């Protein structure tokens, strides 16, 4: 299972998590635990953790072929919420 993570500078990490939960809850299983969230997609999961100055994101795919698509979906959702294209660097 391929896994990648990104640290996104954000003073509003909690707000971003709230907005992502709203965005994804209609189509995906969203489970929230305090400052942590797990979003289950058909092809894997996304884990979100709010920290005081950043949003931690982990993407775990069920197979290599869909991993990039999950990263792209998270990128696109965050870009839409922030209103700008973020330069998110994923680390394996």
C-alpha atoms as a PDB file:
ATOM      1  CA  UNK A   1       0.000   0.000   0.000  1.00  0.00           C
ATOM      2  CA  UNK A   2       1.689   3.224  -1.102  1.00  0.00           C
ATOM      3  CA  UNK A   3       1.655   5.998   1.488  1.00  0.00           C
ATOM      4  CA  UNK A   4       2.676   9.641   1.188  1.00  0.00           C
ATOM      5  CA  UNK A   5       2.432  12.635   3.466  1.00  0.00           C
ATOM      6  CA  UNK A   6       2.527  16.396   3.226  1.00  0.00           C
ATOM      7  CA  UNK A   7       2.823  19.260   5.709  1.00  0.00           C
ATOM      8  CA  UNK A   8       0.859  22.290   4.545  1.00  0.00           C
ATOM      9  CA  UNK A   9       1.492  25.594   6.331  1.00  0.00           C
ATOM     10  CA  UNK A  10      -1.910  26.792   7.545  1.00  0.00           C
ATOM     11  CA  UNK A  11      -2.974  28.971  10.436  1.00  0.00           C
ATOM     12  CA  UNK A  12      -6.536  27.790   9.700  1.00  0.00           C
ATOM     13  CA  UNK A  13      -5.946  24.010   9.706  1.00  0.00           C
ATOM     14  CA  UNK A  14      -9.088  23.318  11.786  1.00  0.00           C
ATOM     15  CA  UNK A  15     -11.207  25.367   9.376  1.00  0.00           C
ATOM     16  CA  UNK A  16      -9.715  23.531   6.394  1.00  0.00           C
ATOM     17  CA  UNK A  17     -10.522  20.186   8.004  1.00  0.00           C
ATOM     18  CA  UNK A  18     -14.118  21.306   8.658  1.00  0.00           C
ATOM     19  CA  UNK A  19     -14.493  22.387   5.028  1.00  0.00           C
ATOM     20  CA  UNK A  20     -12.944  19.187   3.676  1.00  0.00           C
ATOM     21  CA  UNK A  21     -15.271  17.116   5.864  1.00  0.00           C
ATOM     22  CA  UNK A  22     -18.276  18.999   4.481  1.00  0.00           C
ATOM     23  CA  UNK A  23     -17.004  18.624   0.922  1.00  0.00           C
ATOM     24  CA  UNK A  24     -16.309  14.895   1.146  1.00  0.00           C
ATOM     25  CA  UNK A  25     -18.997  13.668   3.559  1.00  0.00           C
ATOM     26  CA  UNK A  26     -21.657  13.311   0.838  1.00  0.00           C
ATOM     27  CA  UNK A  27     -19.585  10.870  -1.223  1.00  0.00           C
ATOM     28  CA  UNK A  28     -17.129   9.326   1.235  1.00  0.00           C
ATOM     29  CA  UNK A  29     -17.041   7.887   4.739  1.00  0.00           C
ATOM     30  CA  UNK A  30     -15.658  10.602   7.038  1.00  0.00           C
ATOM     31  CA  UNK A  31     -14.699   9.742  10.607  1.00  0.00           C
ATOM     32  CA  UNK A  32     -13.669  12.544  12.949  1.00  0.00           C
ATOM     33  CA  UNK A  33     -11.743  12.272  16.230  1.00  0.00           C
ATOM     34  CA  UNK A  34     -10.954  15.652  17.822  1.00  0.00           C
ATOM     35  CA  UNK A  35      -8.204  17.157  15.630  1.00  0.00           C
ATOM     36  CA  UNK A  36      -7.874  14.065  13.419  1.00  0.00           C
ATOM     37  CA  UNK A  37      -9.995  12.948  10.494  1.00  0.00           C
ATOM     38  CA  UNK A  38     -10.013   9.836   8.331  1.00  0.00           C
ATOM     39  CA  UNK A  39     -11.677  10.020   4.929  1.00  0.00           C
ATOM     40  CA  UNK A  40     -12.215   6.676   3.206  1.00  0.00           C
ATOM     41  CA  UNK A  41     -12.228   6.704  -0.581  1.00  0.00           C
ATOM     42  CA  UNK A  42     -12.876   3.652  -2.763  1.00  0.00           C
ATOM     43  CA  UNK A  43      -9.170   3.554  -3.632  1.00  0.00           C
ATOM     44  CA  UNK A  44      -7.705   4.315  -0.185  1.00  0.00           C
ATOM     45  CA  UNK A  45      -7.787   6.741   2.714  1.00  0.00           C
ATOM     46  CA  UNK A  46      -6.754  10.268   3.589  1.00  0.00           C
ATOM     47  CA  UNK A  47      -5.810  11.210   7.140  1.00  0.00           C
ATOM     48  CA  UNK A  48      -5.896  14.843   8.249  1.00  0.00           C
ATOM     49  CA  UNK A  49      -4.409  16.281  11.458  1.00  0.00           C
ATOM     50  CA  UNK A  50      -4.681  19.934  12.486  1.00  0.00           C
ATOM     51  CA  UNK A  51      -1.661  21.402  14.212  1.00  0.00           C
ATOM     52  CA  UNK A  52      -1.296  25.023  15.386  1.00  0.00           C
ATOM     53  CA  UNK A  53       0.518  26.195  12.260  1.00  0.00           C
ATOM     54  CA  UNK A  54       0.007  23.441   9.697  1.00  0.00           C
ATOM     55  CA  UNK A  55      -2.229  20.754   8.279  1.00  0.00           C
ATOM     56  CA  UNK A  56      -0.729  17.276   8.187  1.00  0.00           C
ATOM     57  CA  UNK A  57      -2.084  15.083   5.389  1.00  0.00           C
ATOM     58  CA  UNK A  58      -1.399  11.386   4.794  1.00  0.00           C
ATOM     59  CA  UNK A  59      -2.669   9.562   1.719  1.00  0.00           C
ATOM     60  CA  UNK A  60      -2.762   5.767   1.681  1.00  0.00           C
ATOM     61  CA  UNK A  61      -3.829   4.008  -1.514  1.00  0.00           C
ATOM     62  CA  UNK A  62      -4.876   0.390  -1.958  1.00  0.00           C
ATOM     63  CA  UNK A  63      -2.526   0.058  -4.946  1.00  0.00           C
ATOM     64  CA  UNK A  64       0.178   1.994  -6.784  1.00  0.00           C
ATOM     65  CA  UNK A  65      -1.994   2.808  -9.796  1.00  0.00           C
ATOM     66  CA  UNK A  66      -4.430   4.994  -7.842  1.00  0.00           C
ATOM     67  CA  UNK A  67      -2.052   6.667  -5.414  1.00  0.00           C
ATOM     68  CA  UNK A  68      -1.313   9.673  -7.655  1.00  0.00           C
ATOM     69  CA  UNK A  69      -5.044  10.143  -8.275  1.00  0.00           C
ATOM     70  CA  UNK A  70      -5.731  10.311  -4.516  1.00  0.00           C
ATOM     71  CA  UNK A  71      -2.954  12.867  -4.036  1.00  0.00           C
ATOM     72  CA  UNK A  72      -4.412  14.884  -6.926  1.00  0.00           C
ATOM     73  CA  UNK A  73      -7.910  14.753  -5.384  1.00  0.00           C
ATOM     74  CA  UNK A  74      -6.596  16.086  -2.058  1.00  0.00           C
ATOM     75  CA  UNK A  75      -4.558  18.765  -3.887  1.00  0.00           C
ATOM     76  CA  UNK A  76      -7.576  19.882  -5.910  1.00  0.00           C
ATOM     77  CA  UNK A  77      -9.859  20.056  -2.858  1.00  0.00           C
ATOM     78  CA  UNK A  78      -7.354  22.152  -0.880  1.00  0.00           C
ATOM     79  CA  UNK A  79      -6.681  24.441  -3.856  1.00  0.00           C
ATOM     80  CA  UNK A  80     -10.429  25.032  -4.219  1.00  0.00           C
ATOM     81  CA  UNK A  81     -10.854  25.835  -0.523  1.00  0.00           C
ATOM     82  CA  UNK A  82      -7.890  28.217  -0.394  1.00  0.00           C
ATOM     83  CA  UNK A  83      -8.755  29.850  -3.721  1.00  0.00           C
ATOM     84  CA  UNK A  84      -5.192  29.492  -4.974  1.00  0.00           C
ATOM     85  CA  UNK A  85      -3.035  26.684  -6.284  1.00  0.00           C
ATOM     86  CA  UNK A  86      -0.978  25.411  -3.373  1.00  0.00           C
ATOM     87  CA  UNK A  87       2.490  24.012  -3.894  1.00  0.00           C
ATOM     88  CA  UNK A  88       1.986  20.767  -1.961  1.00  0.00           C
ATOM     89  CA  UNK A  89       5.063  18.563  -1.718  1.00  0.00           C
ATOM     90  CA  UNK A  90       4.251  14.899  -1.123  1.00  0.00           C
ATOM     91  CA  UNK A  91       6.874  12.734   0.585  1.00  0.00           C
ATOM     92  CA  UNK A  92       6.922   8.950   0.441  1.00  0.00           C
END
